[in-house]
Amino acid sequence: MRFNKALRVAVGAVALAVVASGCGGGSDKTASEHAADGKLTVGIKFDQPGLGLRNKDGSYSGFDVDVAKYVGEKLGVKPDAIVFKESPSGQRETLIQNGQVDFIVATYSITDKRKEKVDFAGPYFQTGQSLLVRSDNADITGVESLTGNKKLCSVKGSTPAQNVKDKYAKEVQLQEYDTYSLCVEALKSGSVDAVTTDDIILRGYAAQSPGALKVVGAPFSTEKYGIGVKKGDSESRGKINDAIEAMITSGAWKAALEKNFAGTGFAIPAPPTVDRY
């Protein structure tokens, strides 16, 4: 009897160990340590044209993708040795904390609240929140026209969604979806009146549906995109900051924006100054 009990305890312990080791599929290694092994896993968006997009052939394109590849090469990792992992807005901190990604380049706004959980290199881009509407919409011309309980779509866990909750909750009905591409589909079908997120993201969606959608009004927030890394990983953060500065000074930063937003009417802004806080 005692033997059977001991056997059950031992088997249970092994099962727990297997489950624990399999949870999340994460790693304790830092981004720099993985780069030294010649490989990286980088979080990006899969549904943002011009920024982070998984194409039908399985390839990836966009400004964030180009930034990730440039940083990877500066860390000693070839582009074909980078594994891209989808990183929805509401899951980004968890993916970093669990070691499922080495760093995230996914229109990731630097905020004090997020800095409690992860560290940021950058910023590598600065933008502002805007509005996307159907081309035949004449009622919404900017944030000042968000009245009459209009339906406004944004993404769960995103800075734009929180901004709407903080400042415009009385004027609009906020609809929170899992991705911006779902918001855009809801806009096209008439389920919502507008989509709000950062101007550069909306420009990509508008360009993807020429004649159907338009960006209206001036940006009404300031968003600084950073590259998220594990909290306390100052070595990787420093190396990524170096890479961002090299991309800007070499001209590769501007070239990547020109390539990804050609023909959209997007005006390329001055590059940001990297904040080595």
C-alpha atoms as a PDB file:
ATOM      1  CA  MET A   1       0.000   0.000   0.000  1.00  0.00           C
ATOM      2  CA  ARG A   2       2.784   2.367   0.934  1.00  0.00           C
ATOM      3  CA  PHE A   3       4.581   1.544  -2.315  1.00  0.00           C
ATOM      4  CA  ASN A   4       1.472   2.322  -4.385  1.00  0.00           C
ATOM      5  CA  LYS A   5       1.010   5.639  -2.599  1.00  0.00           C
ATOM      6  CA  ALA A   6       4.652   6.566  -3.163  1.00  0.00           C
ATOM      7  CA  LEU A   7       4.340   5.603  -6.823  1.00  0.00           C
ATOM      8  CA  ARG A   8       1.267   7.787  -7.249  1.00  0.00           C
ATOM      9  CA  VAL A   9       3.058  10.749  -5.638  1.00  0.00           C
ATOM     10  CA  ALA A  10       6.088  10.259  -7.881  1.00  0.00           C
ATOM     11  CA  VAL A  11       3.985  10.006 -11.040  1.00  0.00           C
ATOM     12  CA  GLY A  12       2.031  13.106 -10.019  1.00  0.00           C
ATOM     13  CA  ALA A  13       5.240  15.061  -9.460  1.00  0.00           C
ATOM     14  CA  VAL A  14       6.563  14.085 -12.886  1.00  0.00           C
ATOM     15  CA  ALA A  15       3.271  15.091 -14.523  1.00  0.00           C
ATOM     16  CA  LEU A  16       3.335  18.458 -12.811  1.00  0.00           C
ATOM     17  CA  ALA A  17       6.914  19.017 -13.926  1.00  0.00           C
ATOM     18  CA  VAL A  18       6.007  18.200 -17.531  1.00  0.00           C
ATOM     19  CA  VAL A  19       3.040  20.568 -17.457  1.00  0.00           C
ATOM     20  CA  ALA A  20       5.091  23.346 -15.862  1.00  0.00           C
ATOM     21  CA  SER A  21       7.879  23.001 -18.410  1.00  0.00           C
ATOM     22  CA  GLY A  22       5.375  23.114 -21.274  1.00  0.00           C
ATOM     23  CA  CYS A  23       3.380  26.134 -20.119  1.00  0.00           C
ATOM     24  CA  GLY A  24       3.799  29.089 -22.457  1.00  0.00           C
ATOM     25  CA  GLY A  25       6.788  27.618 -24.274  1.00  0.00           C
ATOM     26  CA  GLY A  26       8.881  30.463 -22.881  1.00  0.00           C
ATOM     27  CA  SER A  27      12.592  30.873 -22.212  1.00  0.00           C
ATOM     28  CA  ASP A  28      14.631  32.370 -19.406  1.00  0.00           C
ATOM     29  CA  LYS A  29      17.324  33.579 -21.797  1.00  0.00           C
ATOM     30  CA  THR A  30      17.577  37.288 -22.612  1.00  0.00           C
ATOM     31  CA  ALA A  31      17.305  38.700 -26.117  1.00  0.00           C
ATOM     32  CA  SER A  32      21.091  39.197 -26.174  1.00  0.00           C
ATOM     33  CA  GLU A  33      21.702  35.586 -25.156  1.00  0.00           C
ATOM     34  CA  HIS A  34      19.379  34.258 -27.841  1.00  0.00           C
ATOM     35  CA  ALA A  35      21.017  36.575 -30.391  1.00  0.00           C
ATOM     36  CA  ALA A  36      24.412  35.131 -29.409  1.00  0.00           C
ATOM     37  CA  ASP A  37      22.975  31.725 -30.372  1.00  0.00           C
ATOM     38  CA  GLY A  38      22.073  33.179 -33.771  1.00  0.00           C
ATOM     39  CA  LYS A  39      18.293  33.239 -33.402  1.00  0.00           C
ATOM     40  CA  LEU A  40      15.509  35.518 -32.211  1.00  0.00           C
ATOM     41  CA  THR A  41      11.753  35.385 -31.700  1.00  0.00           C
ATOM     42  CA  VAL A  42      10.182  38.790 -32.298  1.00  0.00           C
ATOM     43  CA  GLY A  43       6.604  39.854 -31.651  1.00  0.00           C
ATOM     44  CA  ILE A  44       4.841  41.854 -34.360  1.00  0.00           C
ATOM     45  CA  LYS A  45       1.301  42.530 -35.511  1.00  0.00           C
ATOM     46  CA  PHE A  46       0.034  40.273 -38.291  1.00  0.00           C
ATOM     47  CA  ASP A  47      -2.837  42.460 -39.513  1.00  0.00           C
ATOM     48  CA  GLN A  48      -1.509  46.010 -39.892  1.00  0.00           C
ATOM     49  CA  PRO A  49      -0.722  46.929 -43.526  1.00  0.00           C
ATOM     50  CA  GLY A  50       2.391  49.060 -43.837  1.00  0.00           C
ATOM     51  CA  LEU A  51       3.532  48.158 -40.319  1.00  0.00           C
ATOM     52  CA  GLY A  52       3.222  44.486 -39.447  1.00  0.00           C
ATOM     53  CA  LEU A  53       1.463  42.209 -41.913  1.00  0.00           C
ATOM     54  CA  ARG A  54       1.505  38.464 -42.513  1.00  0.00           C
ATOM     55  CA  ASN A  55       1.092  38.110 -46.253  1.00  0.00           C
ATOM     56  CA  LYS A  56      -0.834  35.357 -48.017  1.00  0.00           C
ATOM     57  CA  ASP A  57       2.392  33.601 -48.983  1.00  0.00           C
ATOM     58  CA  GLY A  58       3.488  33.432 -45.336  1.00  0.00           C
ATOM     59  CA  SER A  59       6.038  36.243 -45.592  1.00  0.00           C
ATOM     60  CA  TYR A  60       5.984  39.367 -43.436  1.00  0.00           C
ATOM     61  CA  SER A  61       6.095  43.019 -44.436  1.00  0.00           C
ATOM     62  CA  GLY A  62       5.862  46.484 -42.944  1.00  0.00           C
ATOM     63  CA  PHE A  63       7.877  49.151 -41.186  1.00  0.00           C
ATOM     64  CA  ASP A  64       7.875  47.313 -37.844  1.00  0.00           C
ATOM     65  CA  VAL A  65       9.109  44.190 -39.628  1.00  0.00           C
ATOM     66  CA  ASP A  66      11.951  46.163 -41.226  1.00  0.00           C
ATOM     67  CA  VAL A  67      12.859  47.683 -37.846  1.00  0.00           C
ATOM     68  CA  ALA A  68      12.893  44.202 -36.284  1.00  0.00           C
ATOM     69  CA  LYS A  69      15.140  42.833 -39.042  1.00  0.00           C
ATOM     70  CA  TYR A  70      17.530  45.795 -38.804  1.00  0.00           C
ATOM     71  CA  VAL A  71      17.789  45.433 -35.020  1.00  0.00           C
ATOM     72  CA  GLY A  72      18.240  41.686 -35.387  1.00  0.00           C
ATOM     73  CA  GLU A  73      21.123  42.116 -37.822  1.00  0.00           C
ATOM     74  CA  LYS A  74      22.801  44.614 -35.474  1.00  0.00           C
ATOM     75  CA  LEU A  75      22.514  41.964 -32.763  1.00  0.00           C
ATOM     76  CA  GLY A  76      24.170  39.462 -35.114  1.00  0.00           C
ATOM     77  CA  VAL A  77      21.085  37.563 -36.288  1.00  0.00           C
ATOM     78  CA  LYS A  78      20.281  37.116 -39.981  1.00  0.00           C
ATOM     79  CA  PRO A  79      16.708  37.988 -41.073  1.00  0.00           C
ATOM     80  CA  ASP A  80      15.918  34.376 -42.007  1.00  0.00           C
ATOM     81  CA  ALA A  81      16.829  33.299 -38.454  1.00  0.00           C
ATOM     82  CA  ILE A  82      14.121  35.507 -36.938  1.00  0.00           C
ATOM     83  CA  VAL A  83      10.836  33.834 -36.006  1.00  0.00           C
ATOM     84  CA  PHE A  84       7.937  36.292 -36.015  1.00  0.00           C
ATOM     85  CA  LYS A  85       5.182  35.723 -33.464  1.00  0.00           C
ATOM     86  CA  GLU A  86       1.792  37.434 -33.517  1.00  0.00           C
ATOM     87  CA  SER A  87       1.460  39.850 -30.599  1.00  0.00           C
ATOM     88  CA  PRO A  88      -2.076  41.226 -30.093  1.00  0.00           C
ATOM     89  CA  SER A  89      -2.234  44.459 -28.111  1.00  0.00           C
ATOM     90  CA  GLY A  90      -3.665  42.921 -24.949  1.00  0.00           C
ATOM     91  CA  GLN A  91      -1.075  40.115 -24.833  1.00  0.00           C
ATOM     92  CA  ARG A  92       2.178  41.975 -25.380  1.00  0.00           C
ATOM     93  CA  GLU A  93       3.304  42.283 -21.749  1.00  0.00           C
ATOM     94  CA  THR A  94       2.476  38.624 -21.073  1.00  0.00           C
ATOM     95  CA  LEU A  95       4.417  37.418 -24.116  1.00  0.00           C
ATOM     96  CA  ILE A  96       7.504  39.321 -22.940  1.00  0.00           C
ATOM     97  CA  GLN A  97       7.185  38.320 -19.287  1.00  0.00           C
ATOM     98  CA  ASN A  98       6.747  34.631 -20.163  1.00  0.00           C
ATOM     99  CA  GLY A  99       9.775  34.634 -22.447  1.00  0.00           C
ATOM    100  CA  GLN A 100       7.702  33.685 -25.492  1.00  0.00           C
ATOM    101  CA  VAL A 101       9.333  36.524 -27.453  1.00  0.00           C
ATOM    102  CA  ASP A 102      12.742  38.164 -27.161  1.00  0.00           C
ATOM    103  CA  PHE A 103      11.357  41.597 -27.938  1.00  0.00           C
ATOM    104  CA  ILE A 104       8.266  43.174 -29.452  1.00  0.00           C
ATOM    105  CA  VAL A 105       8.046  45.653 -32.343  1.00  0.00           C
ATOM    106  CA  ALA A 106       4.298  46.062 -32.716  1.00  0.00           C
ATOM    107  CA  THR A 107       3.134  49.711 -32.659  1.00  0.00           C
ATOM    108  CA  TYR A 108       3.821  49.443 -28.922  1.00  0.00           C
ATOM    109  CA  SER A 109       3.261  52.832 -27.258  1.00  0.00           C
ATOM    110  CA  ILE A 110       5.566  53.595 -24.334  1.00  0.00           C
ATOM    111  CA  THR A 111       3.489  54.350 -21.221  1.00  0.00           C
ATOM    112  CA  ASP A 112       4.296  54.579 -17.509  1.00  0.00           C
ATOM    113  CA  LYS A 113       1.818  51.797 -16.758  1.00  0.00           C
ATOM    114  CA  ARG A 114       3.486  49.438 -19.219  1.00  0.00           C
ATOM    115  CA  LYS A 115       6.945  50.328 -17.908  1.00  0.00           C
ATOM    116  CA  GLU A 116       5.908  48.759 -14.611  1.00  0.00           C
ATOM    117  CA  LYS A 117       5.875  45.377 -16.376  1.00  0.00           C
ATOM    118  CA  VAL A 118       8.365  45.641 -19.254  1.00  0.00           C
ATOM    119  CA  ASP A 119      11.251  47.838 -20.380  1.00  0.00           C
ATOM    120  CA  PHE A 120      11.371  49.780 -23.642  1.00  0.00           C
ATOM    121  CA  ALA A 121      14.094  50.648 -26.103  1.00  0.00           C
ATOM    122  CA  GLY A 122      13.404  53.665 -28.295  1.00  0.00           C
ATOM    123  CA  PRO A 123      11.216  55.334 -29.245  1.00  0.00           C
ATOM    124  CA  TYR A 124      11.743  54.465 -32.891  1.00  0.00           C
ATOM    125  CA  PHE A 125       8.642  56.310 -34.125  1.00  0.00           C
ATOM    126  CA  GLN A 126       6.259  59.016 -32.906  1.00  0.00           C
ATOM    127  CA  THR A 127       2.656  59.383 -34.045  1.00  0.00           C
ATOM    128  CA  GLY A 128      -0.780  60.362 -32.723  1.00  0.00           C
ATOM    129  CA  GLN A 129      -4.280  58.975 -32.458  1.00  0.00           C
ATOM    130  CA  SER A 130      -6.676  59.692 -35.352  1.00  0.00           C
ATOM    131  CA  LEU A 131      -9.989  58.520 -36.804  1.00  0.00           C
ATOM    132  CA  LEU A 132     -10.832  56.276 -39.758  1.00  0.00           C
ATOM    133  CA  VAL A 133     -14.296  56.533 -41.342  1.00  0.00           C
ATOM    134  CA  ARG A 134     -16.060  55.437 -44.523  1.00  0.00           C
ATOM    135  CA  SER A 135     -15.339  57.725 -47.458  1.00  0.00           C
ATOM    136  CA  ASP A 136     -18.989  58.785 -47.748  1.00  0.00           C
ATOM    137  CA  ASN A 137     -19.167  59.860 -44.089  1.00  0.00           C
ATOM    138  CA  ALA A 138     -19.547  63.638 -43.739  1.00  0.00           C
ATOM    139  CA  ASP A 139     -20.563  63.700 -40.058  1.00  0.00           C
ATOM    140  CA  ILE A 140     -17.222  62.779 -38.491  1.00  0.00           C
ATOM    141  CA  THR A 141     -14.465  65.230 -39.385  1.00  0.00           C
ATOM    142  CA  GLY A 142     -12.278  64.887 -36.291  1.00  0.00           C
ATOM    143  CA  VAL A 143     -12.336  64.209 -32.586  1.00  0.00           C
ATOM    144  CA  GLU A 144     -14.475  67.304 -31.960  1.00  0.00           C
ATOM    145  CA  SER A 145     -17.334  65.706 -33.930  1.00  0.00           C
ATOM    146  CA  LEU A 146     -17.478  62.551 -31.794  1.00  0.00           C
ATOM    147  CA  THR A 147     -20.925  63.380 -30.440  1.00  0.00           C
ATOM    148  CA  GLY A 148     -24.397  61.842 -30.548  1.00  0.00           C
ATOM    149  CA  ASN A 149     -23.375  58.485 -29.077  1.00  0.00           C
ATOM    150  CA  LYS A 150     -21.575  57.324 -32.230  1.00  0.00           C
ATOM    151  CA  LYS A 151     -20.085  53.838 -32.268  1.00  0.00           C
ATOM    152  CA  LEU A 152     -16.302  53.986 -32.137  1.00  0.00           C
ATOM    153  CA  CYS A 153     -14.141  50.873 -32.474  1.00  0.00           C
ATOM    154  CA  SER A 154     -10.706  50.239 -31.009  1.00  0.00           C
ATOM    155  CA  VAL A 155      -8.738  47.268 -29.665  1.00  0.00           C
ATOM    156  CA  LYS A 156      -8.781  45.699 -26.213  1.00  0.00           C
ATOM    157  CA  GLY A 157      -5.683  46.578 -24.199  1.00  0.00           C
ATOM    158  CA  SER A 158      -4.601  49.367 -26.538  1.00  0.00           C
ATOM    159  CA  THR A 159      -3.587  52.901 -25.610  1.00  0.00           C
ATOM    160  CA  PRO A 160      -6.186  54.449 -27.997  1.00  0.00           C
ATOM    161  CA  ALA A 161      -9.001  52.451 -26.357  1.00  0.00           C
ATOM    162  CA  GLN A 162      -7.940  53.620 -22.910  1.00  0.00           C
ATOM    163  CA  ASN A 163      -7.675  57.205 -24.159  1.00  0.00           C
ATOM    164  CA  VAL A 164     -11.273  57.042 -25.376  1.00  0.00           C
ATOM    165  CA  LYS A 165     -12.414  55.671 -22.008  1.00  0.00           C
ATOM    166  CA  ASP A 166     -10.589  58.443 -20.169  1.00  0.00           C
ATOM    167  CA  LYS A 167     -11.629  61.390 -22.325  1.00  0.00           C
ATOM    168  CA  TYR A 168     -14.607  60.586 -24.573  1.00  0.00           C
ATOM    169  CA  ALA A 169     -16.687  57.955 -22.764  1.00  0.00           C
ATOM    170  CA  LYS A 170     -19.744  60.230 -22.521  1.00  0.00           C
ATOM    171  CA  GLU A 171     -19.775  61.131 -26.217  1.00  0.00           C
ATOM    172  CA  VAL A 172     -19.336  57.720 -27.860  1.00  0.00           C
ATOM    173  CA  GLN A 173     -20.105  54.029 -27.551  1.00  0.00           C
ATOM    174  CA  LEU A 174     -16.726  52.306 -27.468  1.00  0.00           C
ATOM    175  CA  GLN A 175     -16.659  48.887 -29.139  1.00  0.00           C
ATOM    176  CA  GLU A 176     -13.514  46.907 -28.235  1.00  0.00           C
ATOM    177  CA  TYR A 177     -12.407  44.164 -30.642  1.00  0.00           C
ATOM    178  CA  ASP A 178      -9.404  41.844 -30.543  1.00  0.00           C
ATOM    179  CA  THR A 179      -7.698  43.345 -33.606  1.00  0.00           C
ATOM    180  CA  TYR A 180      -7.839  46.496 -35.714  1.00  0.00           C
ATOM    181  CA  SER A 181      -8.565  44.452 -38.819  1.00  0.00           C
ATOM    182  CA  LEU A 182     -11.827  43.332 -37.169  1.00  0.00           C
ATOM    183  CA  CYS A 183     -12.603  46.984 -36.388  1.00  0.00           C
ATOM    184  CA  VAL A 184     -12.014  47.883 -40.032  1.00  0.00           C
ATOM    185  CA  GLU A 185     -14.352  45.109 -41.209  1.00  0.00           C
ATOM    186  CA  ALA A 186     -17.012  46.387 -38.775  1.00  0.00           C
ATOM    187  CA  LEU A 187     -16.537  49.889 -40.192  1.00  0.00           C
ATOM    188  CA  LYS A 188     -16.944  48.675 -43.771  1.00  0.00           C
ATOM    189  CA  SER A 189     -20.125  46.775 -42.881  1.00  0.00           C
ATOM    190  CA  GLY A 190     -21.618  49.754 -41.050  1.00  0.00           C
ATOM    191  CA  SER A 191     -21.582  48.125 -37.608  1.00  0.00           C
ATOM    192  CA  VAL A 192     -19.484  51.014 -36.262  1.00  0.00           C
ATOM    193  CA  ASP A 193     -19.152  54.647 -37.323  1.00  0.00           C
ATOM    194  CA  ALA A 194     -15.390  55.052 -36.929  1.00  0.00           C
ATOM    195  CA  VAL A 195     -12.183  53.303 -35.929  1.00  0.00           C
ATOM    196  CA  THR A 196      -9.596  54.978 -33.751  1.00  0.00           C
ATOM    197  CA  THR A 197      -5.949  54.185 -33.309  1.00  0.00           C
ATOM    198  CA  ASP A 198      -2.649  55.778 -34.300  1.00  0.00           C
ATOM    199  CA  ASP A 199      -2.582  57.801 -37.516  1.00  0.00           C
ATOM    200  CA  ILE A 200       0.108  55.697 -39.196  1.00  0.00           C
ATOM    201  CA  ILE A 201      -1.877  52.490 -38.582  1.00  0.00           C
ATOM    202  CA  LEU A 202      -5.043  54.011 -40.035  1.00  0.00           C
ATOM    203  CA  ARG A 203      -3.129  55.274 -43.098  1.00  0.00           C
ATOM    204  CA  GLY A 204      -2.187  51.685 -43.862  1.00  0.00           C
ATOM    205  CA  TYR A 205      -5.787  50.494 -43.685  1.00  0.00           C
ATOM    206  CA  ALA A 206      -7.015  53.403 -45.793  1.00  0.00           C
ATOM    207  CA  ALA A 207      -4.406  52.623 -48.444  1.00  0.00           C
ATOM    208  CA  GLN A 208      -5.486  48.973 -48.415  1.00  0.00           C
ATOM    209  CA  SER A 209      -9.076  50.030 -49.268  1.00  0.00           C
ATOM    210  CA  PRO A 210      -8.654  52.964 -51.679  1.00  0.00           C
ATOM    211  CA  GLY A 211     -11.838  54.945 -52.179  1.00  0.00           C
ATOM    212  CA  ALA A 212     -13.659  53.138 -49.372  1.00  0.00           C
ATOM    213  CA  LEU A 213     -12.038  54.586 -46.251  1.00  0.00           C
ATOM    214  CA  LYS A 214     -10.419  57.859 -45.214  1.00  0.00           C
ATOM    215  CA  VAL A 215      -8.516  59.289 -42.258  1.00  0.00           C
ATOM    216  CA  VAL A 216     -10.070  62.475 -40.846  1.00  0.00           C
ATOM    217  CA  GLY A 217      -9.005  65.221 -38.461  1.00  0.00           C
ATOM    218  CA  ALA A 218      -5.712  66.029 -36.835  1.00  0.00           C
ATOM    219  CA  PRO A 219      -4.028  63.583 -34.418  1.00  0.00           C
ATOM    220  CA  PHE A 220      -5.269  64.150 -30.875  1.00  0.00           C
ATOM    221  CA  SER A 221      -2.629  62.359 -28.792  1.00  0.00           C
ATOM    222  CA  THR A 222       1.107  61.687 -28.781  1.00  0.00           C
ATOM    223  CA  GLU A 223       2.231  58.087 -29.058  1.00  0.00           C
ATOM    224  CA  LYS A 224       5.864  57.017 -28.919  1.00  0.00           C
ATOM    225  CA  TYR A 225       6.528  53.520 -30.236  1.00  0.00           C
ATOM    226  CA  GLY A 226       9.099  51.523 -28.314  1.00  0.00           C
ATOM    227  CA  ILE A 227      10.587  48.052 -28.579  1.00  0.00           C
ATOM    228  CA  GLY A 228       9.469  46.054 -25.563  1.00  0.00           C
ATOM    229  CA  VAL A 229      11.962  43.838 -23.728  1.00  0.00           C
ATOM    230  CA  LYS A 230      11.905  41.920 -20.463  1.00  0.00           C
ATOM    231  CA  LYS A 231      11.951  44.082 -17.330  1.00  0.00           C
ATOM    232  CA  GLY A 232      15.491  44.600 -16.088  1.00  0.00           C
ATOM    233  CA  ASP A 233      17.208  43.417 -19.288  1.00  0.00           C
ATOM    234  CA  SER A 234      19.339  46.549 -19.583  1.00  0.00           C
ATOM    235  CA  GLU A 235      21.956  44.863 -21.782  1.00  0.00           C
ATOM    236  CA  SER A 236      19.483  44.019 -24.545  1.00  0.00           C
ATOM    237  CA  ARG A 237      17.730  47.365 -24.209  1.00  0.00           C
ATOM    238  CA  GLY A 238      21.041  49.197 -24.642  1.00  0.00           C
ATOM    239  CA  LYS A 239      21.992  47.188 -27.727  1.00  0.00           C
ATOM    240  CA  ILE A 240      18.567  47.735 -29.284  1.00  0.00           C
ATOM    241  CA  ASN A 241      18.815  51.476 -28.606  1.00  0.00           C
ATOM    242  CA  ASP A 242      22.159  51.482 -30.413  1.00  0.00           C
ATOM    243  CA  ALA A 243      20.545  49.694 -33.367  1.00  0.00           C
ATOM    244  CA  ILE A 244      17.639  52.167 -33.536  1.00  0.00           C
ATOM    245  CA  GLU A 245      20.037  55.109 -33.574  1.00  0.00           C
ATOM    246  CA  ALA A 246      22.118  53.447 -36.307  1.00  0.00           C
ATOM    247  CA  MET A 247      19.002  52.837 -38.402  1.00  0.00           C
ATOM    248  CA  ILE A 248      18.022  56.496 -38.135  1.00  0.00           C
ATOM    249  CA  THR A 249      21.463  57.971 -38.865  1.00  0.00           C
ATOM    250  CA  SER A 250      22.196  55.561 -41.739  1.00  0.00           C
ATOM    251  CA  GLY A 251      19.075  56.558 -43.657  1.00  0.00           C
ATOM    252  CA  ALA A 252      17.585  53.054 -43.416  1.00  0.00           C
ATOM    253  CA  TRP A 253      14.794  54.335 -41.130  1.00  0.00           C
ATOM    254  CA  LYS A 254      13.528  56.856 -43.667  1.00  0.00           C
ATOM    255  CA  ALA A 255      13.950  54.393 -46.532  1.00  0.00           C
ATOM    256  CA  ALA A 256      11.830  51.811 -44.710  1.00  0.00           C
ATOM    257  CA  LEU A 257       9.004  54.313 -44.215  1.00  0.00           C
ATOM    258  CA  GLU A 258       9.178  55.426 -47.852  1.00  0.00           C
ATOM    259  CA  LYS A 259       9.028  51.817 -49.034  1.00  0.00           C
ATOM    260  CA  ASN A 260       6.089  50.807 -46.852  1.00  0.00           C
ATOM    261  CA  PHE A 261       3.944  53.924 -47.299  1.00  0.00           C
ATOM    262  CA  ALA A 262       4.656  54.897 -50.893  1.00  0.00           C
ATOM    263  CA  GLY A 263       1.610  56.338 -52.627  1.00  0.00           C
ATOM    264  CA  THR A 264      -0.473  56.698 -49.466  1.00  0.00           C
ATOM    265  CA  GLY A 265       0.020  60.428 -48.953  1.00  0.00           C
ATOM    266  CA  PHE A 266       1.679  59.746 -45.618  1.00  0.00           C
ATOM    267  CA  ALA A 267       4.118  62.527 -44.730  1.00  0.00           C
ATOM    268  CA  ILE A 268       7.264  61.084 -43.167  1.00  0.00           C
ATOM    269  CA  PRO A 269       7.975  62.914 -39.897  1.00  0.00           C
ATOM    270  CA  ALA A 270      11.318  63.736 -38.332  1.00  0.00           C
ATOM    271  CA  PRO A 271      12.778  60.756 -36.489  1.00  0.00           C
ATOM    272  CA  PRO A 272      12.437  60.681 -32.687  1.00  0.00           C
ATOM    273  CA  THR A 273      15.290  60.935 -30.217  1.00  0.00           C
ATOM    274  CA  VAL A 274      16.056  57.663 -28.447  1.00  0.00           C
ATOM    275  CA  ASP A 275      15.339  57.968 -24.721  1.00  0.00           C
ATOM    276  CA  ARG A 276      17.955  56.135 -22.674  1.00  0.00           C
ATOM    277  CA  TYR A 277      16.039  56.366 -19.388  1.00  0.00           C
END
